[in-house]
C-alpha atoms as a PDB file:
ATOM      1  CA  MET A   1       0.000   0.000   0.000  1.00  0.00           C
ATOM      2  CA  LYS A   2       1.320   3.431  -0.948  1.00  0.00           C
ATOM      3  CA  PHE A   3       1.930   6.084   1.669  1.00  0.00           C
ATOM      4  CA  ILE A   4       0.950   9.736   1.464  1.00  0.00           C
ATOM      5  CA  VAL A   5       3.913  12.112   1.484  1.00  0.00           C
ATOM      6  CA  VAL A   6       3.286  15.441   3.246  1.00  0.00           C
ATOM      7  CA  ALA A   7       5.774  18.268   3.712  1.00  0.00           C
ATOM      8  CA  ALA A   8       5.626  20.001   7.087  1.00  0.00           C
ATOM      9  CA  ARG A   9       6.051  23.777   7.148  1.00  0.00           C
ATOM     10  CA  SER A  10       9.378  23.352   8.975  1.00  0.00           C
ATOM     11  CA  PHE A  11      10.678  21.246   6.082  1.00  0.00           C
ATOM     12  CA  GLU A  12       9.564  23.716   3.441  1.00  0.00           C
ATOM     13  CA  ASP A  13      11.073  26.636   5.356  1.00  0.00           C
ATOM     14  CA  SER A  14      14.407  24.901   5.858  1.00  0.00           C
ATOM     15  CA  VAL A  15      14.686  23.918   2.188  1.00  0.00           C
ATOM     16  CA  VAL A  16      13.965  27.494   1.101  1.00  0.00           C
ATOM     17  CA  ASP A  17      16.511  28.855   3.593  1.00  0.00           C
ATOM     18  CA  VAL A  18      19.252  26.429   2.542  1.00  0.00           C
ATOM     19  CA  LEU A  19      18.695  26.809  -1.206  1.00  0.00           C
ATOM     20  CA  SER A  20      18.466  30.600  -0.944  1.00  0.00           C
ATOM     21  CA  GLY A  21      21.727  30.706   0.972  1.00  0.00           C
ATOM     22  CA  LEU A  22      23.460  28.442  -1.522  1.00  0.00           C
ATOM     23  CA  GLY A  23      22.037  30.391  -4.441  1.00  0.00           C
ATOM     24  CA  VAL A  24      23.798  33.571  -3.400  1.00  0.00           C
ATOM     25  CA  SER A  25      27.248  32.120  -3.971  1.00  0.00           C
ATOM     26  CA  SER A  26      26.478  29.279  -6.381  1.00  0.00           C
ATOM     27  CA  PRO A  27      23.130  29.187  -8.217  1.00  0.00           C
ATOM     28  CA  ALA A  28      24.147  26.026 -10.087  1.00  0.00           C
ATOM     29  CA  TYR A  29      24.963  24.193  -6.842  1.00  0.00           C
ATOM     30  CA  ALA A  30      21.660  25.319  -5.293  1.00  0.00           C
ATOM     31  CA  THR A  31      19.817  23.949  -8.331  1.00  0.00           C
ATOM     32  CA  ARG A  32      21.685  20.636  -8.029  1.00  0.00           C
ATOM     33  CA  VAL A  33      20.928  20.309  -4.311  1.00  0.00           C
ATOM     34  CA  GLY A  34      17.240  21.087  -4.934  1.00  0.00           C
ATOM     35  CA  SER A  35      17.132  18.465  -7.661  1.00  0.00           C
ATOM     36  CA  ASP A  36      18.847  15.906  -5.428  1.00  0.00           C
ATOM     37  CA  VAL A  37      16.314  16.570  -2.643  1.00  0.00           C
ATOM     38  CA  ARG A  38      13.413  15.934  -5.046  1.00  0.00           C
ATOM     39  CA  THR A  39      15.079  12.803  -6.450  1.00  0.00           C
ATOM     40  CA  ALA A  40      15.789  11.373  -2.992  1.00  0.00           C
ATOM     41  CA  MET A  41      12.137  11.666  -2.027  1.00  0.00           C
ATOM     42  CA  THR A  42      10.556  10.275  -5.192  1.00  0.00           C
ATOM     43  CA  THR A  43      10.021   6.743  -3.880  1.00  0.00           C
ATOM     44  CA  LEU A  44       9.132   7.490  -0.251  1.00  0.00           C
ATOM     45  CA  ASP A  45       5.490   6.743  -1.004  1.00  0.00           C
ATOM     46  CA  GLU A  46       6.441   3.160  -1.935  1.00  0.00           C
ATOM     47  CA  ASN A  47       9.421   2.573   0.339  1.00  0.00           C
ATOM     48  CA  PRO A  48       9.228   4.867   3.381  1.00  0.00           C
ATOM     49  CA  ARG A  49      11.680   2.899   5.490  1.00  0.00           C
ATOM     50  CA  ARG A  50      14.547   3.157   3.011  1.00  0.00           C
ATOM     51  CA  GLY A  51      16.153   5.982   4.966  1.00  0.00           C
ATOM     52  CA  ARG A  52      18.171   5.242   8.087  1.00  0.00           C
ATOM     53  CA  VAL A  53      16.905   5.905  11.604  1.00  0.00           C
ATOM     54  CA  VAL A  54      18.064   9.354  12.785  1.00  0.00           C
ATOM     55  CA  PRO A  55      20.936   8.339  15.099  1.00  0.00           C
ATOM     56  CA  GLU A  56      20.430  11.217  17.523  1.00  0.00           C
ATOM     57  CA  MET A  57      16.825  10.192  18.194  1.00  0.00           C
ATOM     58  CA  ASN A  58      16.967   6.377  18.045  1.00  0.00           C
ATOM     59  CA  ASP A  59      13.276   6.311  17.133  1.00  0.00           C
ATOM     60  CA  GLU A  60      12.308   3.835  14.402  1.00  0.00           C
ATOM     61  CA  ARG A  61       9.670   6.277  13.088  1.00  0.00           C
ATOM     62  CA  LEU A  62      12.089   9.158  12.509  1.00  0.00           C
ATOM     63  CA  ARG A  63      14.301   8.578   9.476  1.00  0.00           C
ATOM     64  CA  GLU A  64      16.643  10.470   7.231  1.00  0.00           C
ATOM     65  CA  LEU A  65      17.883  10.424   3.675  1.00  0.00           C
ATOM     66  CA  LEU A  66      21.389  11.715   3.116  1.00  0.00           C
ATOM     67  CA  ILE A  67      21.728  13.967   0.100  1.00  0.00           C
ATOM     68  CA  THR A  68      24.864  13.146  -1.841  1.00  0.00           C
ATOM     69  CA  SER A  69      25.305  16.522  -3.509  1.00  0.00           C
ATOM     70  CA  GLY A  70      26.229  18.177  -0.240  1.00  0.00           C
ATOM     71  CA  SER A  71      26.173  17.996   3.509  1.00  0.00           C
ATOM     72  CA  PHE A  72      22.418  17.746   3.868  1.00  0.00           C
ATOM     73  CA  ARG A  73      19.870  15.305   5.187  1.00  0.00           C
ATOM     74  CA  VAL A  74      16.114  15.105   4.714  1.00  0.00           C
ATOM     75  CA  MET A  75      14.438  14.027   7.947  1.00  0.00           C
ATOM     76  CA  TYR A  76      10.972  12.514   7.888  1.00  0.00           C
ATOM     77  CA  LEU A  77       8.536  10.689  10.122  1.00  0.00           C
ATOM     78  CA  VAL A  78       6.948   7.361   9.169  1.00  0.00           C
ATOM     79  CA  ASP A  79       3.491   7.532  10.694  1.00  0.00           C
ATOM     80  CA  VAL A  80       1.623   4.392  11.797  1.00  0.00           C
ATOM     81  CA  GLU A  81      -1.447   5.664   9.953  1.00  0.00           C
ATOM     82  CA  SER A  82       0.269   5.258   6.569  1.00  0.00           C
ATOM     83  CA  ARG A  83       1.602   8.807   6.248  1.00  0.00           C
ATOM     84  CA  ILE A  84       5.078  10.190   5.861  1.00  0.00           C
ATOM     85  CA  VAL A  85       5.779  13.704   7.054  1.00  0.00           C
ATOM     86  CA  ARG A  86       9.086  15.262   6.066  1.00  0.00           C
ATOM     87  CA  LEU A  87       9.968  17.276   9.120  1.00  0.00           C
ATOM     88  CA  VAL A  88      13.081  19.319   8.463  1.00  0.00           C
ATOM     89  CA  ASP A  89      16.190  19.536   6.330  1.00  0.00           C
ATOM     90  CA  PHE A  90      19.446  20.040   8.258  1.00  0.00           C
ATOM     91  CA  GLN A  91      23.026  20.399   7.159  1.00  0.00           C
ATOM     92  CA  ARG A  92      24.744  17.281   8.452  1.00  0.00           C
ATOM     93  CA  ALA A  93      27.605  19.330   9.855  1.00  0.00           C
ATOM     94  CA  GLN A  94      25.173  21.240  12.048  1.00  0.00           C
ATOM     95  CA  ARG A  95      24.745  20.178  15.633  1.00  0.00           C
ATOM     96  CA  PHE A  96      21.476  18.286  15.934  1.00  0.00           C
ATOM     97  CA  ASP A  97      18.878  19.858  18.216  1.00  0.00           C
ATOM     98  CA  PRO A  98      15.877  17.584  18.930  1.00  0.00           C
ATOM     99  CA  THR A  99      13.832  20.525  20.221  1.00  0.00           C
ATOM    100  CA  ASN A 100      13.344  21.481  16.570  1.00  0.00           C
ATOM    101  CA  LEU A 101      11.278  18.341  16.063  1.00  0.00           C
ATOM    102  CA  THR A 102       8.096  19.535  17.747  1.00  0.00           C
ATOM    103  CA  GLU A 103       6.073  17.962  14.927  1.00  0.00           C
ATOM    104  CA  LEU A 104       7.079  14.524  16.243  1.00  0.00           C
ATOM    105  CA  ALA A 105       4.961  14.943  19.369  1.00  0.00           C
ATOM    106  CA  LYS A 106       1.821  15.311  17.218  1.00  0.00           C
ATOM    107  CA  PHE A 107       2.177  11.692  16.067  1.00  0.00           C
ATOM    108  CA  ASP A 108       2.898   9.917  19.319  1.00  0.00           C
ATOM    109  CA  THR A 109       0.491   7.053  19.816  1.00  0.00           C
END
C-alpha cells in the first residue's frame, strides 16, 4: 500500500533557507541540491523505510535520507497511519537539536 507524502512547514522553510543561501554564492549548486532533494524523495510513497533511523533520536519512526550533492539530510517521520511527514532539512555538519522536532509529538500514539 502506498503512503501519502506530506511536507511540514518546517521542512519547506528549511529547504527554502538552505537553497536561498546556496544560491547567493552558487546558483548552479543550489539547483543541483534542490534536484537531489526531489530525487531522494521520489520513492518514499512506496518505500518509506529506506532511509536510516536518525541516530540522535533512536526512534524507528524518525528517518533520514542523506543527500549526496552536499552535507544535507532530509528528515521525515513514518506515521503508523500510513503517512510520511518530512519534518526538516538540516546540514549534516550542524549540531542536531531535537527541540526542533516539535512535529514529532503530534504523532505519538
